[in-house]
N, C-alpha and C. Protein backbone atom coordinates (compact mmCIF):
# COMPACT_ATOMS: atom_id res chain seq x y z
N MET A 1 230.02 21.67 137.01
CA MET A 1 230.96 20.71 137.65
C MET A 1 230.05 19.54 138.27
N PRO A 2 230.55 18.37 138.04
CA PRO A 2 229.79 17.20 138.61
C PRO A 2 229.89 17.12 140.17
N GLU A 3 228.97 16.61 140.77
CA GLU A 3 228.95 16.45 142.21
C GLU A 3 229.51 15.14 142.49
N SER A 4 230.20 14.89 143.58
CA SER A 4 230.73 13.64 143.96
C SER A 4 230.32 13.36 145.40
N TYR A 5 229.20 12.62 145.46
CA TYR A 5 228.63 12.27 146.81
C TYR A 5 229.26 11.00 147.34
N THR A 6 229.45 11.00 148.69
CA THR A 6 229.82 9.78 149.35
C THR A 6 228.69 8.91 149.56
N ARG A 7 228.87 7.64 150.01
CA ARG A 7 227.67 6.80 150.31
C ARG A 7 226.96 7.41 151.47
N ARG A 8 227.57 7.82 152.48
CA ARG A 8 226.92 8.41 153.63
C ARG A 8 226.03 9.63 153.17
N GLU A 9 226.64 10.51 152.39
CA GLU A 9 225.81 11.58 151.87
C GLU A 9 224.62 11.18 151.07
N ASN A 10 224.77 10.22 150.28
CA ASN A 10 223.59 9.67 149.55
C ASN A 10 222.54 9.17 150.43
N ARG A 11 222.91 8.45 151.51
CA ARG A 11 221.93 7.87 152.47
C ARG A 11 221.29 9.16 153.13
N GLN A 12 222.06 10.10 153.57
CA GLN A 12 221.50 11.32 154.21
C GLN A 12 220.44 12.04 153.32
N ARG A 13 220.80 12.19 152.02
CA ARG A 13 219.97 12.84 151.10
C ARG A 13 218.57 12.08 150.96
N VAL A 14 218.65 10.73 150.91
CA VAL A 14 217.46 9.92 150.84
C VAL A 14 216.54 10.16 152.08
N GLY A 15 217.24 10.12 153.26
CA GLY A 15 216.54 10.38 154.48
C GLY A 15 215.94 11.71 154.60
N LEU A 16 216.64 12.78 154.09
CA LEU A 16 216.10 14.08 154.07
C LEU A 16 214.93 14.20 153.05
N GLY A 17 215.01 13.43 152.09
CA GLY A 17 213.85 13.48 151.06
C GLY A 17 212.60 12.89 151.72
N PHE A 18 212.77 11.75 152.43
CA PHE A 18 211.57 11.14 153.14
C PHE A 18 211.06 12.09 154.19
N ARG A 19 211.97 12.63 154.96
CA ARG A 19 211.48 13.56 156.03
C ARG A 19 210.76 14.79 155.39
N GLY A 20 211.38 15.21 154.24
CA GLY A 20 210.75 16.40 153.68
C GLY A 20 209.40 16.09 153.05
N LEU A 21 209.24 14.87 152.50
CA LEU A 21 207.99 14.42 152.08
C LEU A 21 206.92 14.35 153.15
N ARG A 22 207.34 13.78 154.36
CA ARG A 22 206.35 13.75 155.48
C ARG A 22 206.01 15.10 155.94
N ARG A 23 206.98 16.04 155.95
CA ARG A 23 206.67 17.41 156.41
C ARG A 23 205.82 18.15 155.41
N ALA A 24 206.02 17.85 154.15
CA ALA A 24 205.27 18.57 153.09
C ALA A 24 203.78 18.06 153.21
N ILE A 25 203.59 16.78 153.40
CA ILE A 25 202.21 16.34 153.54
C ILE A 25 201.58 16.95 154.82
N ALA A 26 202.34 17.12 155.89
CA ALA A 26 201.80 17.72 157.12
C ALA A 26 201.74 19.27 156.99
N GLY A 27 202.35 19.82 156.01
CA GLY A 27 202.37 21.26 155.87
C GLY A 27 203.36 22.03 156.85
N ALA A 28 204.38 21.37 157.32
CA ALA A 28 205.27 21.83 158.26
C ALA A 28 206.49 22.47 157.48
N ASP A 29 207.24 23.29 158.29
CA ASP A 29 208.33 24.00 157.79
C ASP A 29 209.47 23.03 157.44
N MET A 30 210.13 23.22 156.33
CA MET A 30 211.19 22.39 155.79
C MET A 30 212.50 23.14 155.56
N SER A 31 212.68 24.36 156.18
CA SER A 31 213.96 25.13 155.86
C SER A 31 215.14 24.44 156.46
N ASP A 32 215.05 23.81 157.58
CA ASP A 32 216.19 23.15 158.12
C ASP A 32 216.60 22.00 157.24
N LEU A 33 215.67 21.27 156.74
CA LEU A 33 216.03 20.19 155.86
C LEU A 33 216.68 20.65 154.51
N GLU A 34 216.17 21.73 153.99
CA GLU A 34 216.72 22.31 152.80
C GLU A 34 218.10 22.88 153.03
N ALA A 35 218.42 23.42 154.25
CA ALA A 35 219.66 23.93 154.52
C ALA A 35 220.68 22.80 154.62
N ARG A 36 220.26 21.63 155.26
CA ARG A 36 221.19 20.50 155.35
C ARG A 36 221.45 19.97 153.99
N ALA A 37 220.42 19.91 153.14
CA ALA A 37 220.62 19.34 151.77
C ALA A 37 221.57 20.22 150.97
N ASP A 38 221.44 21.60 151.17
CA ASP A 38 222.33 22.52 150.50
C ASP A 38 223.75 22.38 150.95
N ARG A 39 223.94 22.14 152.28
CA ARG A 39 225.30 21.91 152.73
C ARG A 39 225.93 20.66 152.19
N ILE A 40 225.16 19.60 152.10
CA ILE A 40 225.69 18.40 151.48
C ILE A 40 226.02 18.55 150.06
N ARG A 41 225.13 19.26 149.34
CA ARG A 41 225.33 19.49 147.89
C ARG A 41 226.67 20.35 147.67
N SER A 42 226.79 21.36 148.55
CA SER A 42 227.97 22.28 148.36
C SER A 42 229.29 21.41 148.65
N ARG A 43 229.33 20.55 149.64
CA ARG A 43 230.41 19.73 149.91
C ARG A 43 230.74 18.84 148.69
N ALA A 44 229.73 18.26 148.13
CA ALA A 44 229.86 17.36 147.04
C ALA A 44 230.33 18.12 145.82
N GLU A 45 229.86 19.35 145.59
CA GLU A 45 230.38 20.09 144.49
C GLU A 45 231.81 20.40 144.63
N GLU A 46 232.26 20.83 145.82
CA GLU A 46 233.69 21.09 146.14
C GLU A 46 234.51 19.86 145.86
N ARG A 47 234.07 18.66 146.29
CA ARG A 47 234.79 17.50 146.13
C ARG A 47 234.81 17.17 144.61
N GLY A 48 233.85 17.32 143.97
CA GLY A 48 233.75 17.09 142.46
C GLY A 48 234.80 18.01 141.77
N GLU A 49 234.83 19.21 142.16
CA GLU A 49 235.89 20.13 141.48
C GLU A 49 237.25 19.65 141.77
N ARG A 50 237.56 19.27 143.01
CA ARG A 50 238.90 18.78 143.33
C ARG A 50 239.19 17.54 142.52
N GLU A 51 238.28 16.59 142.39
CA GLU A 51 238.54 15.36 141.58
C GLU A 51 238.77 15.72 140.14
N ALA A 52 237.94 16.65 139.61
CA ALA A 52 238.14 17.03 138.30
C ALA A 52 239.43 17.74 137.92
N ASP A 53 239.96 18.56 138.87
CA ASP A 53 241.21 19.29 138.69
C ASP A 53 242.30 18.14 138.78
N ARG A 54 242.16 17.19 139.62
CA ARG A 54 243.24 16.21 139.77
C ARG A 54 243.21 15.31 138.46
N MET A 55 242.04 14.90 138.02
CA MET A 55 241.89 14.16 136.81
C MET A 55 242.51 14.77 135.63
N TRP A 56 242.29 16.14 135.39
CA TRP A 56 242.88 16.85 134.32
C TRP A 56 244.40 16.96 134.47
N SER A 57 244.88 17.12 135.59
CA SER A 57 246.38 17.18 135.82
C SER A 57 246.99 15.82 135.49
N GLU A 58 246.27 14.70 135.92
CA GLU A 58 246.74 13.30 135.53
C GLU A 58 246.80 13.22 134.12
N LEU A 59 245.72 13.63 133.42
CA LEU A 59 245.66 13.53 131.92
C LEU A 59 246.81 14.29 131.24
N ASP A 60 247.10 15.51 131.69
CA ASP A 60 248.19 16.31 131.13
C ASP A 60 249.49 15.59 131.41
N GLY A 61 249.76 14.92 132.57
CA GLY A 61 250.96 14.27 132.86
C GLY A 61 251.13 13.01 131.92
N ALA A 62 249.97 12.32 131.71
CA ALA A 62 250.00 11.11 130.91
C ALA A 62 250.29 11.48 129.44
N ARG A 63 249.72 12.59 129.00
CA ARG A 63 249.96 13.00 127.62
C ARG A 63 251.39 13.38 127.47
N SER A 64 251.93 14.11 128.40
CA SER A 64 253.41 14.39 128.33
C SER A 64 254.30 13.19 128.34
N ALA A 65 253.94 12.20 129.18
CA ALA A 65 254.76 10.98 129.18
C ALA A 65 254.57 10.15 127.83
N ALA A 66 253.42 10.20 127.33
CA ALA A 66 253.14 9.52 125.95
C ALA A 66 253.96 10.18 124.92
N ALA A 67 253.96 11.47 124.92
CA ALA A 67 254.82 12.19 123.82
C ALA A 67 256.23 11.86 124.02
N ALA A 68 256.74 11.90 125.28
CA ALA A 68 258.17 11.56 125.46
C ALA A 68 258.51 10.19 125.09
N ALA A 69 257.56 9.17 125.37
CA ALA A 69 257.81 7.79 124.97
C ALA A 69 257.75 7.62 123.52
N LYS A 70 256.96 8.42 122.84
CA LYS A 70 256.87 8.35 121.27
C LYS A 70 258.14 8.84 120.68
N VAL A 71 258.68 9.94 121.26
CA VAL A 71 259.91 10.51 120.75
C VAL A 71 261.12 9.49 120.98
N LYS A 72 261.10 8.91 122.15
CA LYS A 72 262.13 7.93 122.44
C LYS A 72 262.07 6.70 121.54
N ALA A 73 260.74 6.30 121.20
CA ALA A 73 260.59 5.17 120.22
C ALA A 73 261.08 5.56 118.88
N ASP A 74 260.87 6.82 118.47
CA ASP A 74 261.28 7.24 117.18
C ASP A 74 262.85 7.31 117.05
N LEU A 75 263.46 7.63 118.16
CA LEU A 75 264.91 7.76 118.09
C LEU A 75 265.61 6.51 118.42
N ALA A 76 265.02 5.53 118.88
CA ALA A 76 265.59 4.28 119.29
C ALA A 76 266.08 3.48 118.06
N THR A 77 267.15 2.71 118.31
CA THR A 77 267.62 1.88 117.29
C THR A 77 267.94 0.49 117.83
N GLY A 78 267.97 -0.47 116.97
CA GLY A 78 268.34 -1.83 117.27
C GLY A 78 267.34 -2.49 118.27
N SER A 79 267.82 -3.17 119.16
CA SER A 79 267.00 -3.96 120.06
C SER A 79 266.16 -3.06 121.00
N ASP A 80 266.64 -1.83 121.28
CA ASP A 80 265.87 -0.91 122.17
C ASP A 80 264.62 -0.36 121.51
N ARG A 81 264.58 -0.58 120.17
CA ARG A 81 263.39 0.01 119.43
C ARG A 81 262.07 -0.75 119.84
N ALA A 82 262.18 -1.99 119.86
CA ALA A 82 260.94 -2.88 120.21
C ALA A 82 260.46 -2.51 121.62
N SER A 83 261.37 -2.43 122.57
CA SER A 83 260.88 -2.14 123.95
C SER A 83 260.42 -0.67 124.08
N ALA A 84 261.05 0.27 123.25
CA ALA A 84 260.57 1.57 123.29
C ALA A 84 259.22 1.73 122.67
N ARG A 85 258.99 0.97 121.62
CA ARG A 85 257.64 0.97 120.95
C ARG A 85 256.56 0.49 121.99
N ARG A 86 256.85 -0.65 122.62
CA ARG A 86 255.94 -1.15 123.62
C ARG A 86 255.65 -0.13 124.65
N ALA A 87 256.69 0.60 125.18
CA ALA A 87 256.43 1.54 126.24
C ALA A 87 255.62 2.76 125.68
N ALA A 88 255.80 3.10 124.39
CA ALA A 88 254.94 4.19 123.85
C ALA A 88 253.48 3.73 123.76
N LYS A 89 253.27 2.42 123.30
CA LYS A 89 251.92 1.99 123.23
C LYS A 89 251.28 1.89 124.56
N ASP A 90 251.99 1.43 125.61
CA ASP A 90 251.44 1.48 126.96
C ASP A 90 251.12 2.85 127.46
N ALA A 91 252.02 3.82 127.13
CA ALA A 91 251.69 5.24 127.49
C ALA A 91 250.45 5.73 126.83
N GLU A 92 250.24 5.31 125.56
CA GLU A 92 249.08 5.78 124.84
C GLU A 92 247.79 5.09 125.37
N ARG A 93 247.87 3.81 125.78
CA ARG A 93 246.79 3.18 126.48
C ARG A 93 246.40 3.90 127.81
N LYS A 94 247.41 4.33 128.49
CA LYS A 94 247.20 4.95 129.81
C LYS A 94 246.44 6.26 129.49
N VAL A 95 246.79 7.04 128.49
CA VAL A 95 246.13 8.28 128.15
C VAL A 95 244.69 7.96 127.81
N GLU A 96 244.41 6.95 127.01
CA GLU A 96 243.12 6.67 126.56
C GLU A 96 242.23 6.23 127.78
N ARG A 97 242.80 5.50 128.74
CA ARG A 97 242.10 5.11 129.90
C ARG A 97 241.69 6.26 130.83
N ILE A 98 242.68 7.25 131.00
CA ILE A 98 242.37 8.44 131.66
C ILE A 98 241.36 9.30 131.00
N GLN A 99 241.38 9.35 129.65
CA GLN A 99 240.46 10.10 128.89
C GLN A 99 239.04 9.55 129.13
N ARG A 100 238.90 8.23 129.16
CA ARG A 100 237.55 7.71 129.37
C ARG A 100 236.99 7.99 130.70
N ARG A 101 237.83 7.96 131.72
CA ARG A 101 237.49 8.25 133.07
C ARG A 101 237.15 9.84 133.21
N ALA A 102 237.88 10.63 132.47
CA ALA A 102 237.73 12.09 132.55
C ALA A 102 236.48 12.54 131.93
N ARG A 103 235.83 11.78 131.02
CA ARG A 103 234.66 12.23 130.37
C ARG A 103 233.50 12.58 131.29
N LYS A 104 233.43 11.98 132.45
CA LYS A 104 232.38 12.33 133.39
C LYS A 104 232.53 13.73 134.02
N TYR A 105 233.71 14.36 133.86
CA TYR A 105 233.91 15.75 134.39
C TYR A 105 233.69 16.73 133.32
N LEU A 106 233.31 16.40 132.08
CA LEU A 106 233.08 17.43 131.05
C LEU A 106 231.80 18.11 131.26
């Protein structure tokens, strides 16, 4: 699962990296820095999982809406047909947009 770091967490990770580097040069104990980095990483992993779950549910909903719009376009007659086709195309574009965004969670 991908990690989803906030800007603050990224800054903290950079700071921990610099402190760890200084401590490594000095030969000091770094267990507290490693523990903080692990806590940040676990929070980011949990957030990434929640985001991925939400993205996949959005994709499922968009696919269902696109299928319903396509059926409606297929059954439409007369002047309703053009607007139903436009709605079906819009729904397909939405599915494609969500799929592009969801690739980062694969």
